[in-house]
């Protein structure tokens, strides 16, 4: 799910030796697999997996330079004002495909671009590279720059269209940063501060191949824009008094419903979660009510009051929850009624067919539970490091071994067990994964493995 969140009332707000030959990874991997199979106790059938070391790619500039795994490729980026992004194929060994030199941002603050790497979004025939407030669209095959924009872009599900926002402010409201004057600030899509909220927001549908504007929809004041997943591109536009569903290809408003105030509070922001649009009502940054709407029909489903839990907040990612750290209830999306209560002092993250429990203070993975009941489905004792991967894909896990090496396992959808993958021969850190690959940082570059179940 892609999301542009613009508050309706306030400011939108990381020394191994040389790499050993590939044959060294095979025997340790098989031995580890055998040990894990013996200790699993036959609780669940083990799915055959293949773990293969592909090779490494250099980290440009400094060892901590940012990287991304997206669309079956690895992307590396140089750190500093001169930004170069390089695409690598995930073959054996990995091969450089192209390098794209990105425009230097018009920024007075070097921290805006010195260390952060681009957000990489493959979209059909192009790749969208977003760094801070700037966006560069390059050809997916050659890396040639197609066009650039001095604002963020959000690709839609069709891979051909993107969203861009423009805010129109009253003349004379731009904030003088040299003055240091106190007060609420409101930021444009290009990052310019203003002392008053915008008069209106213009939402543009843009052709990703050329940058040409295809359609424009205007709303008064600030808005939230949510991109609906699915085969047909669609956009949800939440303004201060109504909710609209927009055809992402044409800009046509296909549904339009008013949003009445709740106990005197108007809508402040919204999010797509658990197949619903959750509209938050409140003021001064405090949410007091939530109302659930169907994203297709915009029909109102249910609502509830939100307790004040600012001093006892728990994290609940990509799922519906209510309450604080010691009283966190997971809700039924159909009714808004509590399904089960989470243990005290855990954070929850929806991950495909499971809910991942993490220790609130330690961040250590505890277990995978059933989303409907909260019952344990996979005990993650010993697997302290989850590898961040694609939403809804396999859950790749990591555990530390001697001398800084790591062992990897995977939980496949609908298989309630950690399946062994293999080991690394040298220290690694900062890993990410998708449905087929694992990429980790080493002192001398990035190391890449392929796996298959």
Protein backbone atom coordinates (compact mmCIF):
# COMPACT_ATOMS: atom_id res chain seq x y z
CA UNK A 1 0.00 0.00 0.00
CA UNK A 2 1.29 3.44 -0.90
CA UNK A 3 0.21 6.37 1.24
CA UNK A 4 0.57 10.12 1.18
CA UNK A 5 -0.28 11.46 4.64
CA UNK A 6 -0.87 15.18 4.90
CA UNK A 7 -2.33 16.20 8.23
CA UNK A 8 -5.51 18.20 7.68
CA UNK A 9 -4.68 20.50 10.56
CA UNK A 10 -0.91 20.43 11.16
CA UNK A 11 2.58 20.02 9.67
CA UNK A 12 2.95 16.94 7.48
CA UNK A 13 5.71 15.44 9.29
CA UNK A 14 23.77 1.35 9.77
CA UNK A 15 36.56 -7.20 9.41
CA UNK A 16 35.43 -10.07 7.48
CA UNK A 17 38.15 -11.56 5.41
CA UNK A 18 37.92 -12.10 1.71
CA UNK A 19 34.84 -13.97 0.52
CA UNK A 20 35.35 -17.73 0.61
CA UNK A 21 34.44 -19.86 -2.39
CA UNK A 22 30.81 -20.87 -2.74
CA UNK A 23 31.53 -24.52 -1.86
CA UNK A 24 32.30 -23.49 1.73
CA UNK A 25 28.66 -22.54 2.26
CA UNK A 26 27.20 -25.89 1.17
CA UNK A 27 28.47 -28.23 3.90
CA UNK A 28 27.79 -25.86 6.85
CA UNK A 29 24.36 -25.16 5.41
CA UNK A 30 23.54 -28.88 5.19
CA UNK A 31 24.85 -29.51 8.70
CA UNK A 32 22.82 -26.66 10.13
CA UNK A 33 19.72 -27.89 8.33
CA UNK A 34 20.20 -31.37 9.81
CA UNK A 35 20.59 -29.99 13.34
CA UNK A 36 17.48 -27.83 13.00
CA UNK A 37 15.50 -30.74 11.63
CA UNK A 38 16.47 -32.90 14.60
CA UNK A 39 15.61 -30.19 17.13
CA UNK A 40 12.28 -29.36 15.51
CA UNK A 41 10.85 -32.50 17.09
CA UNK A 42 8.70 -33.37 14.11
CA UNK A 43 6.15 -30.69 15.05
CA UNK A 44 5.52 -29.77 11.41
CA UNK A 45 6.61 -31.10 8.01
CA UNK A 46 9.67 -29.33 6.65
CA UNK A 47 9.41 -27.91 3.15
CA UNK A 48 12.53 -28.49 0.97
CA UNK A 49 14.43 -25.26 0.38
CA UNK A 50 17.41 -24.21 -1.71
CA UNK A 51 19.94 -21.69 -0.36
CA UNK A 52 22.60 -20.48 -2.78
CA UNK A 53 25.23 -17.77 -2.46
CA UNK A 54 25.20 -15.56 -5.57
CA UNK A 55 28.06 -13.20 -4.87
CA UNK A 56 28.62 -9.64 -3.75
CA UNK A 57 28.39 -6.13 -5.09
CA UNK A 58 30.52 -3.18 -3.94
CA UNK A 59 29.11 -0.56 -1.60
CA UNK A 60 29.83 2.81 -3.24
CA UNK A 61 31.60 5.57 -1.35
CA UNK A 62 31.37 4.33 2.23
CA UNK A 63 30.46 0.92 3.73
CA UNK A 64 27.24 2.31 5.21
CA UNK A 65 25.96 3.63 1.87
CA UNK A 66 22.24 2.90 1.42
CA UNK A 67 20.88 0.04 -0.69
CA UNK A 68 17.52 -1.43 -1.67
CA UNK A 69 16.16 -4.79 -2.87
CA UNK A 70 13.23 -4.17 -5.20
CA UNK A 71 11.68 -5.82 -8.23
CA UNK A 72 14.26 -8.64 -8.41
CA UNK A 73 17.23 -6.26 -8.41
CA UNK A 74 19.59 -4.68 -5.90
CA UNK A 75 20.08 -0.92 -6.02
CA UNK A 76 23.08 0.78 -4.42
CA UNK A 77 23.49 4.53 -3.90
CA UNK A 78 26.46 6.75 -3.24
CA UNK A 79 26.31 8.97 -0.16
CA UNK A 80 26.84 12.70 -0.44
CA UNK A 81 25.71 15.54 -2.64
CA UNK A 82 26.74 13.79 -5.88
CA UNK A 83 24.21 10.98 -5.96
CA UNK A 84 24.64 7.94 -8.23
CA UNK A 85 22.26 4.97 -8.10
CA UNK A 86 23.38 1.64 -9.61
CA UNK A 87 21.13 -1.30 -10.51
CA UNK A 88 22.48 -4.87 -10.19
CA UNK A 89 21.00 -8.07 -11.60
CA UNK A 90 20.57 -10.97 -9.17
CA UNK A 91 22.41 -13.49 -11.31
CA UNK A 92 25.34 -15.67 -10.27
CA UNK A 93 27.44 -13.63 -9.92
CA UNK A 94 25.48 -10.33 -9.71
CA UNK A 95 26.05 -8.07 -12.68
CA UNK A 96 25.94 -4.29 -13.00
CA UNK A 97 23.06 -3.22 -15.23
CA UNK A 98 23.33 0.57 -15.23
CA UNK A 99 24.14 3.65 -13.17
CA UNK A 100 22.05 6.81 -13.05
CA UNK A 101 23.40 10.16 -11.88
CA UNK A 102 20.63 11.94 -9.99
CA UNK A 103 20.22 15.72 -9.91
CA UNK A 104 21.63 17.47 -6.86
CA UNK A 105 18.77 18.79 -4.70
CA UNK A 106 18.22 22.53 -4.39
CA UNK A 107 18.63 22.34 -0.62
CA UNK A 108 20.41 24.53 1.87
CA UNK A 109 20.63 21.60 4.29
CA UNK A 110 23.23 18.94 3.35
CA UNK A 111 21.56 16.47 5.72
CA UNK A 112 18.59 16.46 3.36
CA UNK A 113 20.59 14.43 0.86
CA UNK A 114 23.96 13.39 2.29
CA UNK A 115 23.07 10.02 3.83
CA UNK A 116 19.60 9.00 2.79
CA UNK A 117 19.35 6.71 -0.21
CA UNK A 118 16.56 6.85 -2.75
CA UNK A 119 13.27 5.12 -2.25
CA UNK A 120 13.19 2.69 -5.18
CA UNK A 121 9.85 1.78 -6.76
CA UNK A 122 9.86 -0.29 -9.98
CA UNK A 123 6.84 0.68 -12.07
CA UNK A 124 6.51 -1.11 -15.40
CA UNK A 125 8.96 0.30 -17.93
CA UNK A 126 10.49 2.77 -15.45
CA UNK A 127 11.98 2.93 -11.96
CA UNK A 128 10.97 5.78 -9.65
CA UNK A 129 13.82 7.03 -7.46
CA UNK A 130 12.67 9.35 -4.68
CA UNK A 131 15.14 11.17 -2.43
CA UNK A 132 13.69 13.61 0.07
CA UNK A 133 11.43 15.95 -1.82
CA UNK A 134 12.91 15.18 -5.26
CA UNK A 135 11.94 12.40 -7.68
CA UNK A 136 13.83 11.02 -10.68
CA UNK A 137 12.18 8.62 -13.12
CA UNK A 138 14.63 6.44 -15.07
CA UNK A 139 14.29 3.82 -17.79
CA UNK A 140 14.16 0.35 -16.21
CA UNK A 141 16.38 -1.19 -18.94
CA UNK A 142 19.03 1.47 -19.51
CA UNK A 143 18.88 3.73 -16.45
CA UNK A 144 18.53 6.80 -18.67
CA UNK A 145 16.76 9.66 -16.90
CA UNK A 146 13.27 10.10 -18.36
CA UNK A 147 12.24 13.13 -16.30
CA UNK A 148 12.52 14.70 -12.85
CA UNK A 149 10.16 16.43 -10.40
CA UNK A 150 10.79 18.71 -7.43
CA UNK A 151 8.15 16.87 -5.41
CA UNK A 152 7.36 13.33 -4.24
CA UNK A 153 5.52 10.95 -6.59
CA UNK A 154 3.47 7.88 -5.66
CA UNK A 155 3.05 5.26 -8.42
CA UNK A 156 -0.39 3.68 -8.81
CA UNK A 157 -1.09 -0.03 -9.20
CA UNK A 158 -1.20 0.09 -13.00
CA UNK A 159 2.54 0.87 -13.23
CA UNK A 160 1.83 3.67 -15.70
CA UNK A 161 0.43 6.48 -13.56
CA UNK A 162 1.66 8.34 -10.50
CA UNK A 163 0.20 10.88 -8.09
CA UNK A 164 1.62 14.32 -7.37
CA UNK A 165 0.31 17.06 -5.06
CA UNK A 166 0.43 20.83 -5.30
CA UNK A 167 -0.69 23.17 -2.51
CA UNK A 168 -1.93 26.67 -3.21
CA UNK A 169 -1.31 29.10 -0.32
CA UNK A 170 -2.50 32.63 0.20
CA UNK A 171 0.08 35.18 -0.94
CA UNK A 172 2.33 36.48 1.82
CA UNK A 173 2.09 33.41 4.09
CA UNK A 174 5.52 31.90 3.39
CA UNK A 175 7.40 31.55 6.67
CA UNK A 176 10.65 33.47 7.14
CA UNK A 177 12.93 30.80 8.57
CA UNK A 178 15.56 33.39 9.51
CA UNK A 179 13.06 35.03 11.87
CA UNK A 180 12.62 32.00 14.10
CA UNK A 181 9.13 33.20 14.96
CA UNK A 182 7.05 30.65 16.91
CA UNK A 183 3.74 29.24 15.69
CA UNK A 184 2.14 26.45 13.67
CA UNK A 185 3.65 25.80 10.24
CA UNK A 186 2.09 24.18 7.15
CA UNK A 187 4.32 22.63 4.50
CA UNK A 188 3.85 22.42 0.76
CA UNK A 189 4.63 19.28 -1.28
CA UNK A 190 8.01 20.85 -2.11
CA UNK A 191 8.79 21.45 1.58
CA UNK A 192 8.19 25.20 1.78
CA UNK A 193 6.84 26.31 5.20
CA UNK A 194 3.82 28.60 5.48
CA UNK A 195 2.09 30.23 8.44
CA UNK A 196 -1.41 29.37 7.21
CA UNK A 197 -2.92 26.17 5.83
CA UNK A 198 -3.30 25.97 2.04
CA UNK A 199 -6.34 27.43 0.35
CA UNK A 200 -6.64 24.30 -1.76
CA UNK A 201 -4.80 21.14 -2.78
CA UNK A 202 -4.46 19.98 -6.38
CA UNK A 203 -4.09 16.24 -6.97
CA UNK A 204 -2.52 15.35 -10.33
CA UNK A 205 -2.43 12.06 -12.18
CA UNK A 206 0.90 11.96 -14.05
CA UNK A 207 2.09 9.70 -16.86
CA UNK A 208 5.17 7.91 -15.50
CA UNK A 209 6.82 7.57 -18.88
CA UNK A 210 6.79 11.24 -19.79
CA UNK A 211 5.76 13.31 -16.76
CA UNK A 212 2.73 14.63 -18.61
CA UNK A 213 -0.25 15.57 -16.42
CA UNK A 214 -3.24 13.38 -17.29
CA UNK A 215 -5.86 14.75 -14.91
CA UNK A 216 -6.33 17.09 -11.94
CA UNK A 217 -8.76 17.02 -9.01
CA UNK A 218 -8.98 19.96 -6.59
CA UNK A 219 -10.08 20.00 -2.93
CA UNK A 220 -10.29 22.82 -0.41
CA UNK A 221 -7.59 23.01 2.27
CA UNK A 222 -5.29 20.11 3.11
CA UNK A 223 -6.09 16.49 2.23
CA UNK A 224 -5.08 12.90 2.81
CA UNK A 225 -4.50 10.82 -0.32
CA UNK A 226 -4.51 7.03 -0.15
CA UNK A 227 -3.64 4.70 -3.03
CA UNK A 228 -5.91 1.65 -3.26
CA UNK A 229 -4.19 -1.66 -4.12
CA UNK A 230 -5.63 -3.83 -6.86
CA UNK A 231 -5.69 -4.37 -10.59
CA UNK A 232 -7.52 -1.12 -11.35
CA UNK A 233 -5.75 2.07 -10.19
CA UNK A 234 -7.84 4.01 -7.67
CA UNK A 235 -7.29 6.85 -5.23
CA UNK A 236 -9.10 7.84 -2.04
CA UNK A 237 -9.22 11.58 -1.36
CA UNK A 238 -10.04 12.57 2.23
CA UNK A 239 -10.72 16.25 2.83
CA UNK A 240 -12.15 18.13 5.82
CA UNK A 241 -15.78 17.35 4.98
CA UNK A 242 -15.94 14.45 2.53
CA UNK A 243 -14.43 11.26 1.15
CA UNK A 244 -14.02 10.63 -2.58
CA UNK A 245 -12.99 7.60 -4.62
CA UNK A 246 -11.20 8.61 -7.83
CA UNK A 247 -10.43 6.54 -10.93
CA UNK A 248 -6.63 6.61 -11.10
CA UNK A 249 -6.53 6.33 -14.90
CA UNK A 250 -8.99 9.13 -15.72
CA UNK A 251 -9.38 11.25 -12.58
CA UNK A 252 -13.15 10.73 -12.60
CA UNK A 253 -14.80 10.94 -9.17
CA UNK A 254 -16.72 7.66 -9.04
CA UNK A 255 -18.03 8.01 -5.47
CA UNK A 256 -18.44 10.96 -3.13
CA UNK A 257 -19.77 10.85 0.45
CA UNK A 258 -20.00 13.61 3.09
CA UNK A 259 -18.22 13.15 6.42
CA UNK A 260 -20.31 14.66 9.24
CA UNK A 261 -18.61 15.76 12.45
CA UNK A 262 -18.45 13.33 15.40
CA UNK A 263 -19.07 14.99 18.79
CA UNK A 264 -18.03 18.29 17.28
CA UNK A 265 -14.78 16.94 15.78
CA UNK A 266 -14.10 16.81 12.04
CA UNK A 267 -11.87 14.30 10.24
CA UNK A 268 -8.17 14.91 10.76
CA UNK A 269 -6.53 12.06 8.82
CA UNK A 270 -7.13 8.58 7.42
CA UNK A 271 -5.41 5.30 6.56
CA UNK A 272 -6.08 2.10 4.62
CA UNK A 273 -5.81 -0.84 6.98
CA UNK A 274 -7.22 -4.37 7.14
CA UNK A 275 -9.28 -3.73 4.01
CA UNK A 276 -10.97 -0.61 5.43
CA UNK A 277 -10.56 3.15 5.34
CA UNK A 278 -10.14 4.28 8.91
CA UNK A 279 -11.03 7.96 9.28
CA UNK A 280 -9.70 9.58 12.46
CA UNK A 281 -11.66 12.38 14.13
CA UNK A 282 -10.14 14.77 16.66
CA UNK A 283 -8.34 18.04 17.17
CA UNK A 284 -4.95 19.35 18.28
CA UNK A 285 -3.33 16.11 17.17
CA UNK A 286 -5.46 13.95 19.51
CA UNK A 287 -7.69 11.28 17.91
CA UNK A 288 -10.97 10.83 19.77
CA UNK A 289 -13.02 8.71 17.36
CA UNK A 290 -12.43 6.33 14.45
CA UNK A 291 -14.96 5.53 11.73
CA UNK A 292 -14.50 2.60 9.31
CA UNK A 293 -15.58 2.89 5.65
CA UNK A 294 -15.58 0.39 2.80
CA UNK A 295 -12.89 1.50 0.28
CA UNK A 296 -14.94 0.31 -2.71
CA UNK A 297 -18.43 1.59 -1.90
CA UNK A 298 -17.48 4.23 0.74
CA UNK A 299 -20.24 2.76 2.90
CA UNK A 300 -19.87 3.44 6.63
CA UNK A 301 -19.24 0.16 8.51
CA UNK A 302 -18.73 0.93 12.21
CA UNK A 303 -17.20 3.42 14.63
CA UNK A 304 -15.77 3.62 18.13
CA UNK A 305 -14.32 6.08 20.62
CA UNK A 306 -10.53 6.06 21.05
CA UNK A 307 -9.21 6.02 24.64
CA UNK A 308 -6.42 8.35 25.65
CA UNK A 309 -3.28 6.18 25.61
CA UNK A 310 -0.58 8.71 24.78
CA UNK A 311 1.49 7.78 27.88
CA UNK A 312 1.04 4.03 27.38
CA UNK A 313 1.07 3.67 23.60
CA UNK A 314 1.72 0.37 21.81
CA UNK A 315 2.65 -0.13 18.18
CA UNK A 316 0.17 -1.99 15.99
CA UNK A 317 1.28 -2.09 12.36
CA UNK A 318 -1.00 -2.86 9.41
CA UNK A 319 -3.88 -4.11 11.55
CA UNK A 320 -6.75 -2.75 13.65
CA UNK A 321 -6.02 -2.38 17.36
CA UNK A 322 -7.36 -0.37 20.26
CA UNK A 323 -5.84 0.38 23.65
CA UNK A 324 -2.45 0.83 25.30
CA UNK A 325 0.58 -1.34 25.97
CA UNK A 326 -1.11 -3.36 28.74
CA UNK A 327 -4.62 -3.41 27.27
CA UNK A 328 -4.08 -3.82 23.52
CA UNK A 329 -7.07 -5.42 21.78
CA UNK A 330 -6.99 -6.68 18.18
CA UNK A 331 -10.23 -5.84 16.38
CA UNK A 332 -12.41 -7.72 13.90
CA UNK A 333 -12.40 -5.65 10.67
CA UNK A 334 -15.99 -6.66 9.93
CA UNK A 335 -17.48 -5.37 13.18
CA UNK A 336 -14.86 -3.39 15.10
CA UNK A 337 -15.33 -5.76 18.09
CA UNK A 338 -12.26 -7.01 19.97
CA UNK A 339 -11.11 -10.47 18.83
CA UNK A 340 -8.30 -11.04 21.35
CA UNK A 341 -6.02 -9.18 23.73
CA UNK A 342 -2.28 -9.09 23.16
CA UNK A 343 0.15 -9.90 25.99
CA UNK A 344 1.47 -6.93 27.91
CA UNK A 345 4.55 -5.12 26.60
CA UNK A 346 4.49 -6.34 23.01
CA UNK A 347 4.17 -4.54 19.70
CA UNK A 348 2.26 -6.13 16.84
CA UNK A 349 2.95 -6.16 13.10
CA UNK A 350 0.78 -7.88 10.49
CA UNK A 351 2.95 -10.07 8.27
CA UNK A 352 1.05 -12.01 5.62
CA UNK A 353 -0.89 -14.87 7.24
CA UNK A 354 0.53 -14.08 10.67
CA UNK A 355 0.82 -11.41 13.32
CA UNK A 356 4.37 -10.88 14.56
CA UNK A 357 4.83 -10.10 18.27
CA UNK A 358 7.90 -8.07 19.24
CA UNK A 359 9.09 -7.09 22.68
CA UNK A 360 8.17 -3.41 23.12
CA UNK A 361 11.47 -2.50 24.77
CA UNK A 362 13.84 -5.02 23.17
CA UNK A 363 12.39 -5.23 19.66
CA UNK A 364 13.13 -8.99 19.76
CA UNK A 365 10.80 -11.32 17.83
CA UNK A 366 8.71 -13.41 20.23
CA UNK A 367 6.23 -15.46 18.20
CA UNK A 368 3.92 -15.55 15.20
CA UNK A 369 0.26 -15.76 16.12
CA UNK A 370 -3.05 -16.30 14.37
CA UNK A 371 -4.63 -12.97 13.32
CA UNK A 372 -8.14 -14.16 14.25
CA UNK A 373 -7.44 -15.70 17.66
CA UNK A 374 -4.00 -14.65 18.91
CA UNK A 375 -3.02 -18.31 19.36
CA UNK A 376 0.66 -19.18 18.89
CA UNK A 377 1.42 -20.62 15.47
CA UNK A 378 5.24 -20.35 15.40
CA UNK A 379 7.54 -19.90 18.42
CA UNK A 380 10.45 -17.66 17.41
CA UNK A 381 12.68 -18.32 20.42
CA UNK A 382 16.29 -17.99 19.28
CA UNK A 383 15.47 -16.08 16.08
CA UNK A 384 16.20 -12.60 17.34
CA UNK A 385 16.60 -10.78 14.03
CA UNK A 386 13.73 -10.59 11.58
CA UNK A 387 14.81 -9.64 8.08
CA UNK A 388 12.67 -6.89 6.66
CA UNK A 389 10.98 -8.15 3.52
CA UNK A 390 8.13 -7.51 1.14
CA UNK A 391 4.62 -7.28 2.58
CA UNK A 392 2.75 -10.58 2.45
CA UNK A 393 5.83 -12.57 1.42
CA UNK A 394 7.83 -15.19 3.31
CA UNK A 395 9.14 -14.16 6.73
CA UNK A 396 12.92 -14.49 6.69
CA UNK A 397 14.60 -14.81 10.09
CA UNK A 398 18.18 -14.55 11.26
CA UNK A 399 20.10 -15.81 14.30
CA UNK A 400 23.69 -15.08 15.34
CA UNK A 401 26.42 -17.74 15.23
CA UNK A 402 30.04 -17.67 16.38
CA UNK A 403 32.52 -15.16 14.93
CA UNK A 404 29.75 -12.89 13.70
CA UNK A 405 28.25 -15.33 11.19
CA UNK A 406 24.49 -15.81 10.91
CA UNK A 407 22.00 -18.59 10.23
CA UNK A 408 18.83 -17.99 8.26
CA UNK A 409 15.40 -19.54 8.33
CA UNK A 410 12.09 -18.79 6.66
CA UNK A 411 8.42 -19.09 7.58
CA UNK A 412 6.45 -19.71 4.41
CA UNK A 413 2.78 -18.74 4.06
CA UNK A 414 0.50 -21.39 5.59
CA UNK A 415 3.44 -23.44 6.96
CA UNK A 416 3.59 -23.05 10.73
CA UNK A 417 7.30 -23.77 11.18
CA UNK A 418 10.69 -22.13 10.74
CA UNK A 419 12.28 -23.86 7.76
CA UNK A 420 16.11 -23.89 7.75
CA UNK A 421 17.85 -22.07 4.92
CA UNK A 422 21.59 -21.83 5.46
CA UNK A 423 24.47 -19.91 7.01
CA UNK A 424 26.91 -17.14 6.19
CA UNK A 425 30.63 -17.71 6.46
CA UNK A 426 31.47 -14.14 7.50
CA UNK A 427 29.92 -11.39 9.64
CA UNK A 428 26.98 -9.55 8.08
CA UNK A 429 24.38 -7.02 9.20
CA UNK A 430 21.50 -4.88 7.97
CA UNK A 431 19.69 -7.54 5.94
CA UNK A 432 16.61 -7.34 3.76
CA UNK A 433 14.70 -9.94 1.76
CA UNK A 434 11.95 -10.60 -0.74
CA UNK A 435 10.27 -13.78 -2.02
CA UNK A 436 13.51 -15.10 -3.59
CA UNK A 437 16.58 -13.25 -2.28
CA UNK A 438 18.37 -12.14 0.88
CA UNK A 439 20.79 -9.21 0.79
CA UNK A 440 23.06 -8.25 3.70
CA UNK A 441 25.69 -5.65 4.34
CA UNK A 442 29.31 -6.72 4.92
CA UNK A 443 32.33 -4.51 5.52
CA UNK A 444 33.42 -4.75 1.89
CA UNK A 445 30.05 -4.59 0.13
CA UNK A 446 26.70 -6.34 -0.12
CA UNK A 447 26.37 -10.12 -0.12
CA UNK A 448 23.44 -11.80 -1.83
CA UNK A 449 21.82 -15.22 -1.49
CA UNK A 450 18.97 -16.83 -3.41
CA UNK A 451 16.50 -19.16 -1.76
CA UNK A 452 13.60 -21.24 -3.05
CA UNK A 453 10.95 -23.33 -1.33
